[in-house]
Amino acid sequence: MRKSFMLTLMTAFLAGAAIAPAAHAEYPERPVTFIVPWPPGDIEDQLTRVIAEEMTKETGVPAKVVNRPGGGAVEGATAVAQSDPDGYTIGSFVIDVPTMHIIRGNATYKGDTFEPIGIFLTYPFALVSLKSAPYKTLTELADYAKNNPVKLAHFGYDLVPSMATFAAAKRLGFKFSADAAYEMVDCSTLKNGDADVMNTTMALVLACRDEINVLAAYTDQPLSVAPDAPLLSWEVPGLDITLWNGLFVPKGTPQEVKDRIAAIAKKAVLSDKAKEIAAPSGAGVYWMDAAQSAERIAKDYKEAEKILKEVQ
């Protein structure tokens, strides 16, 4: 009987030993998906692909980018919110996902649904028009729009840059005659006559850079690709906004998994390849860790609340 008991005990021990390595296997063990809630092509999409490529290279496990546009990034964010907190679904989100969408009440998630891995991109965001337009700055646009129709194109009503543009118009004493949201705001938006001015990133108008004027840059320092363009905060003091993109995972994701993602992402965005992608548009590429990112989000949340109150 004792022999039988010892045999059973030894069998259980060996079974446990076989299972233990699997329980503590290094992340990732299976394919990883990065969700970008916008169509392919803009700077956040390109850089997220660099991160995914680095993850595949570092780990030997496939990582891919899936574009889930819709609702001004809400559809893609919802997909991440509904995923398991295990690091296998990672969101690449703009500032609006953890700020304006929640404030406006249009999000399907809460403020504590996500945890930041890190912020890695400052968008070269701007208000632009064709050079043939009868205004060269935001102030000139305001004077013109008081007596003439001006149509605005933007990425969505629940986005920080859109609300900042409406706030700027209000402070400067004019209203756009019409405005519309588009999933893609690029050269064709102006050339097709869909809009007279538009909020977009410089990455999406590089193809027609010589044909457009940058009326205002939505950045904290002049754009390298349009150094003479005034900042929005110069034209409208107090509207100090900077638009960023970062990586997020569902709350409850293990710390060691978050650390692994952060290490890979940091290496990727600081690479020569990432810098080469960012340079033509003037985008800022860097790595801000999780703690700093959380502080930044809290600050920007309060700023978004102020902008929204001003517009309403």
Foldseek 3Di string as FASTA:
>chain_A
DVVVVVVVVVVVVVVVVVCVCVVVPDPDPAEAEEEEQADPQDLLNVLVQLLQVLCCVVPVHHYYYDYNHDDLSQRRVVVQLPDDLARRYKYWDKLLQLALCQVVVNHPDHNQFKFFLWWWWWFFKFKKFFPPDPDQAPLRVLVVQVPDAFEEEEADDSDLVNLLVLLLSVVSPHDHPYYDHDSDDADCCRVVPVGGMYIDTLSRHLVPLVGMHGRETLAPAAFPSHNPHHHSCVSPPPSNHIMTIGMIHTPPHDPSSSVVSSVSSQCSQPDPVVCVSCPSRRMGTHIGGRVRVVVVSVVVNVVSVVSVVSND
